[in-house]
C-alpha atoms as a PDB file:
ATOM      1  CA  UNK A   1      16.296 -46.756  66.439  1.00  0.00           C
ATOM      2  CA  UNK A   2      16.994 -46.665  62.423  1.00  0.00           C
ATOM      3  CA  UNK A   3      19.940 -48.924  61.928  1.00  0.00           C
ATOM      4  CA  UNK A   4      20.979 -46.745  58.974  1.00  0.00           C
ATOM      5  CA  UNK A   5      21.393 -43.101  61.101  1.00  0.00           C
ATOM      6  CA  UNK A   6      24.522 -42.526  63.432  1.00  0.00           C
ATOM      7  CA  UNK A   7      23.050 -40.483  66.503  1.00  0.00           C
ATOM      8  CA  UNK A   8      26.598 -39.847  67.875  1.00  0.00           C
ATOM      9  CA  UNK A   9      27.245 -37.983  64.522  1.00  0.00           C
ATOM     10  CA  UNK A  10      23.940 -36.047  64.421  1.00  0.00           C
ATOM     11  CA  UNK A  11      24.318 -35.080  67.925  1.00  0.00           C
ATOM     12  CA  UNK A  12      28.191 -33.599  67.121  1.00  0.00           C
ATOM     13  CA  UNK A  13      26.790 -31.937  64.328  1.00  0.00           C
ATOM     14  CA  UNK A  14      23.571 -30.657  66.401  1.00  0.00           C
ATOM     15  CA  UNK A  15      26.084 -29.408  68.692  1.00  0.00           C
ATOM     16  CA  UNK A  16      28.373 -27.676  65.981  1.00  0.00           C
ATOM     17  CA  UNK A  17      25.213 -25.984  64.907  1.00  0.00           C
ATOM     18  CA  UNK A  18      24.174 -24.697  68.251  1.00  0.00           C
ATOM     19  CA  UNK A  19      27.441 -23.732  69.372  1.00  0.00           C
ATOM     20  CA  UNK A  20      28.328 -21.676  65.876  1.00  0.00           C
ATOM     21  CA  UNK A  21      24.724 -20.132  66.012  1.00  0.00           C
ATOM     22  CA  UNK A  22      24.525 -19.712  69.576  1.00  0.00           C
ATOM     23  CA  UNK A  23      21.518 -21.428  70.840  1.00  0.00           C
ATOM     24  CA  UNK A  24      21.374 -23.183  74.201  1.00  0.00           C
ATOM     25  CA  UNK A  25      22.894 -26.799  74.130  1.00  0.00           C
ATOM     26  CA  UNK A  26      20.155 -28.372  76.473  1.00  0.00           C
ATOM     27  CA  UNK A  27      19.481 -31.936  77.154  1.00  0.00           C
ATOM     28  CA  UNK A  28      15.867 -31.011  75.856  1.00  0.00           C
ATOM     29  CA  UNK A  29      17.209 -30.602  72.575  1.00  0.00           C
ATOM     30  CA  UNK A  30      19.185 -33.694  72.669  1.00  0.00           C
ATOM     31  CA  UNK A  31      16.134 -35.591  73.922  1.00  0.00           C
ATOM     32  CA  UNK A  32      13.808 -34.630  70.848  1.00  0.00           C
ATOM     33  CA  UNK A  33      16.791 -35.186  68.578  1.00  0.00           C
ATOM     34  CA  UNK A  34      17.225 -39.058  69.561  1.00  0.00           C
ATOM     35  CA  UNK A  35      13.119 -39.479  69.056  1.00  0.00           C
ATOM     36  CA  UNK A  36      13.634 -37.808  65.813  1.00  0.00           C
ATOM     37  CA  UNK A  37      15.630 -40.846  65.408  1.00  0.00           C
ATOM     38  CA  UNK A  38      14.233 -43.225  67.256  1.00  0.00           C
ATOM     39  CA  UNK A  39      10.222 -42.537  65.648  1.00  0.00           C
ATOM     40  CA  UNK A  40      11.898 -43.501  61.873  1.00  0.00           C
ATOM     41  CA  UNK A  41       9.165 -42.381  60.246  1.00  0.00           C
ATOM     42  CA  UNK A  42       7.113 -39.037  58.694  1.00  0.00           C
ATOM     43  CA  UNK A  43       5.730 -37.436  61.534  1.00  0.00           C
ATOM     44  CA  UNK A  44       4.224 -33.943  62.595  1.00  0.00           C
ATOM     45  CA  UNK A  45       5.301 -32.024  65.939  1.00  0.00           C
ATOM     46  CA  UNK A  46       2.156 -32.697  67.305  1.00  0.00           C
ATOM     47  CA  UNK A  47       3.117 -37.150  66.664  1.00  0.00           C
ATOM     48  CA  UNK A  48       6.677 -36.050  68.127  1.00  0.00           C
ATOM     49  CA  UNK A  49       5.392 -34.932  71.026  1.00  0.00           C
ATOM     50  CA  UNK A  50       2.689 -37.433  72.109  1.00  0.00           C
ATOM     51  CA  UNK A  51       5.681 -40.196  70.776  1.00  0.00           C
ATOM     52  CA  UNK A  52       8.276 -38.903  73.471  1.00  0.00           C
ATOM     53  CA  UNK A  53       5.853 -38.704  76.527  1.00  0.00           C
ATOM     54  CA  UNK A  54       4.833 -41.690  75.677  1.00  0.00           C
ATOM     55  CA  UNK A  55       8.318 -42.628  76.082  1.00  0.00           C
ATOM     56  CA  UNK A  56       8.606 -41.303  79.769  1.00  0.00           C
ATOM     57  CA  UNK A  57      10.315 -37.954  79.205  1.00  0.00           C
ATOM     58  CA  UNK A  58       8.782 -35.084  80.007  1.00  0.00           C
ATOM     59  CA  UNK A  59       9.808 -32.079  77.242  1.00  0.00           C
ATOM     60  CA  UNK A  60       7.213 -29.079  76.344  1.00  0.00           C
ATOM     61  CA  UNK A  61       5.536 -28.629  73.488  1.00  0.00           C
ATOM     62  CA  UNK A  62       7.135 -25.332  72.954  1.00  0.00           C
ATOM     63  CA  UNK A  63      10.443 -27.205  72.869  1.00  0.00           C
ATOM     64  CA  UNK A  64       9.682 -29.968  70.297  1.00  0.00           C
ATOM     65  CA  UNK A  65       8.461 -27.090  67.822  1.00  0.00           C
ATOM     66  CA  UNK A  66      11.723 -24.897  68.646  1.00  0.00           C
ATOM     67  CA  UNK A  67      13.787 -27.722  68.071  1.00  0.00           C
ATOM     68  CA  UNK A  68      12.035 -29.121  65.084  1.00  0.00           C
ATOM     69  CA  UNK A  69      12.511 -25.693  63.390  1.00  0.00           C
ATOM     70  CA  UNK A  70      16.576 -25.970  64.847  1.00  0.00           C
ATOM     71  CA  UNK A  71      17.239 -29.892  63.317  1.00  0.00           C
ATOM     72  CA  UNK A  72      15.482 -28.403  60.076  1.00  0.00           C
ATOM     73  CA  UNK A  73      17.739 -25.450  59.816  1.00  0.00           C
ATOM     74  CA  UNK A  74      21.041 -27.654  60.581  1.00  0.00           C
ATOM     75  CA  UNK A  75      19.746 -30.362  57.896  1.00  0.00           C
ATOM     76  CA  UNK A  76      19.210 -33.121  59.561  1.00  0.00           C
ATOM     77  CA  UNK A  77      15.835 -32.585  59.602  1.00  0.00           C
ATOM     78  CA  UNK A  78      13.679 -31.681  55.959  1.00  0.00           C
ATOM     79  CA  UNK A  79      10.430 -30.159  56.760  1.00  0.00           C
ATOM     80  CA  UNK A  80       7.381 -31.529  54.059  1.00  0.00           C
ATOM     81  CA  UNK A  81       3.806 -30.377  53.885  1.00  0.00           C
ATOM     82  CA  UNK A  82       2.033 -32.713  51.969  1.00  0.00           C
ATOM     83  CA  UNK A  83      -1.507 -31.492  50.164  1.00  0.00           C
ATOM     84  CA  UNK A  84      -1.767 -28.487  52.067  1.00  0.00           C
ATOM     85  CA  UNK A  85      -1.182 -30.300  55.342  1.00  0.00           C
ATOM     86  CA  UNK A  86       0.644 -29.527  58.554  1.00  0.00           C
ATOM     87  CA  UNK A  87       4.115 -29.764  58.518  1.00  0.00           C
ATOM     88  CA  UNK A  88       5.739 -33.150  58.837  1.00  0.00           C
ATOM     89  CA  UNK A  89       9.339 -33.911  59.160  1.00  0.00           C
ATOM     90  CA  UNK A  90      11.798 -36.810  57.919  1.00  0.00           C
ATOM     91  CA  UNK A  91      15.321 -36.788  58.713  1.00  0.00           C
ATOM     92  CA  UNK A  92      17.465 -36.043  55.839  1.00  0.00           C
ATOM     93  CA  UNK A  93      20.128 -38.742  56.028  1.00  0.00           C
ATOM     94  CA  UNK A  94      17.608 -41.415  55.713  1.00  0.00           C
ATOM     95  CA  UNK A  95      17.309 -42.010  51.736  1.00  0.00           C
ATOM     96  CA  UNK A  96      18.655 -38.614  50.250  1.00  0.00           C
ATOM     97  CA  UNK A  97      16.753 -37.828  47.305  1.00  0.00           C
ATOM     98  CA  UNK A  98      13.674 -39.391  47.303  1.00  0.00           C
ATOM     99  CA  UNK A  99      10.162 -39.215  45.771  1.00  0.00           C
ATOM    100  CA  UNK A 100       6.501 -39.855  48.521  1.00  0.00           C
ATOM    101  CA  UNK A 101       3.471 -41.459  47.216  1.00  0.00           C
ATOM    102  CA  UNK A 102       0.964 -40.008  49.952  1.00  0.00           C
ATOM    103  CA  UNK A 103      -3.015 -41.461  50.156  1.00  0.00           C
ATOM    104  CA  UNK A 104      -5.021 -38.258  50.074  1.00  0.00           C
ATOM    105  CA  UNK A 105      -7.863 -40.842  52.125  1.00  0.00           C
ATOM    106  CA  UNK A 106      -5.777 -42.140  55.093  1.00  0.00           C
ATOM    107  CA  UNK A 107      -2.281 -40.001  54.624  1.00  0.00           C
ATOM    108  CA  UNK A 108       0.181 -43.578  54.475  1.00  0.00           C
ATOM    109  CA  UNK A 109       3.311 -41.985  53.182  1.00  0.00           C
ATOM    110  CA  UNK A 110       5.204 -44.651  50.410  1.00  0.00           C
ATOM    111  CA  UNK A 111       8.833 -43.437  49.826  1.00  0.00           C
ATOM    112  CA  UNK A 112      10.687 -44.504  46.783  1.00  0.00           C
ATOM    113  CA  UNK A 113      14.296 -43.759  45.272  1.00  0.00           C
ATOM    114  CA  UNK A 114      13.628 -41.739  42.109  1.00  0.00           C
ATOM    115  CA  UNK A 115      14.502 -43.932  38.882  1.00  0.00           C
ATOM    116  CA  UNK A 116      16.651 -43.203  35.947  1.00  0.00           C
ATOM    117  CA  UNK A 117      13.252 -41.567  34.204  1.00  0.00           C
ATOM    118  CA  UNK A 118      12.718 -38.762  36.814  1.00  0.00           C
ATOM    119  CA  UNK A 119      17.012 -38.011  36.162  1.00  0.00           C
ATOM    120  CA  UNK A 120      16.122 -36.939  32.993  1.00  0.00           C
ATOM    121  CA  UNK A 121      13.593 -35.403  32.989  1.00  0.00           C
ATOM    122  CA  UNK A 122      15.243 -33.088  36.258  1.00  0.00           C
ATOM    123  CA  UNK A 123      18.313 -32.636  33.872  1.00  0.00           C
ATOM    124  CA  UNK A 124      16.722 -31.797  30.709  1.00  0.00           C
ATOM    125  CA  UNK A 125      14.156 -29.079  32.590  1.00  0.00           C
ATOM    126  CA  UNK A 126      16.753 -27.555  34.454  1.00  0.00           C
ATOM    127  CA  UNK A 127      18.624 -27.651  31.166  1.00  0.00           C
ATOM    128  CA  UNK A 128      16.043 -26.248  28.941  1.00  0.00           C
ATOM    129  CA  UNK A 129      16.147 -23.199  31.493  1.00  0.00           C
ATOM    130  CA  UNK A 130      19.745 -23.116  31.825  1.00  0.00           C
ATOM    131  CA  UNK A 131      19.948 -24.332  35.652  1.00  0.00           C
ATOM    132  CA  UNK A 132      21.885 -26.737  37.138  1.00  0.00           C
ATOM    133  CA  UNK A 133      19.757 -29.894  39.140  1.00  0.00           C
ATOM    134  CA  UNK A 134      20.555 -29.523  43.078  1.00  0.00           C
ATOM    135  CA  UNK A 135      17.560 -31.963  44.323  1.00  0.00           C
ATOM    136  CA  UNK A 136      14.102 -32.364  43.664  1.00  0.00           C
ATOM    137  CA  UNK A 137      10.754 -33.132  45.283  1.00  0.00           C
ATOM    138  CA  UNK A 138       8.181 -35.374  43.323  1.00  0.00           C
ATOM    139  CA  UNK A 139       5.303 -36.473  45.198  1.00  0.00           C
ATOM    140  CA  UNK A 140       1.935 -38.223  43.609  1.00  0.00           C
ATOM    141  CA  UNK A 141      -1.266 -38.113  45.561  1.00  0.00           C
ATOM    142  CA  UNK A 142      -3.504 -41.323  45.375  1.00  0.00           C
ATOM    143  CA  UNK A 143      -6.003 -43.316  47.369  1.00  0.00           C
ATOM    144  CA  UNK A 144      -5.229 -46.650  48.766  1.00  0.00           C
ATOM    145  CA  UNK A 145      -6.917 -49.455  46.532  1.00  0.00           C
ATOM    146  CA  UNK A 146      -9.448 -50.105  49.475  1.00  0.00           C
ATOM    147  CA  UNK A 147      -9.896 -47.219  51.400  1.00  0.00           C
ATOM    148  CA  UNK A 148     -12.769 -48.625  53.680  1.00  0.00           C
ATOM    149  CA  UNK A 149     -10.517 -51.124  54.802  1.00  0.00           C
ATOM    150  CA  UNK A 150      -6.771 -49.731  55.095  1.00  0.00           C
ATOM    151  CA  UNK A 151      -4.766 -50.216  57.738  1.00  0.00           C
ATOM    152  CA  UNK A 152      -3.546 -46.931  58.101  1.00  0.00           C
ATOM    153  CA  UNK A 153      -7.061 -45.345  57.605  1.00  0.00           C
ATOM    154  CA  UNK A 154      -7.220 -42.325  60.621  1.00  0.00           C
ATOM    155  CA  UNK A 155     -10.764 -42.010  60.825  1.00  0.00           C
END
């Protein structure tokens, strides 16, 4: 489990969201939330579904997809679409305002925190066009040094 994340706080936040929006409060939705915290990496809905079933829990694929949508709406998850691929998710609180380096060969994703140069670019662009920065998404697409022998290669 991701030790940087308070599961009980996320459960409470999710419960309040479900109540406020009049969604059903089900045990299966909390199983999905617990799996999200446990998986501790970027994941697709199908990867999460397989992970949940490998742990012995029985949650339908439809419940996984709908719960991911709800967790995104209540800002527990962030949804990404890297280079036209299907959606990938990650915990919003894990590393706020961070960026991604994505291998176009194997799909491995490395997260990194912005540095002062990126912050200055963000501020300058916003200032030039009369905006105030709120958040940004910066993705670098590259390839591993040796794609044929990469431990993350999907093929």
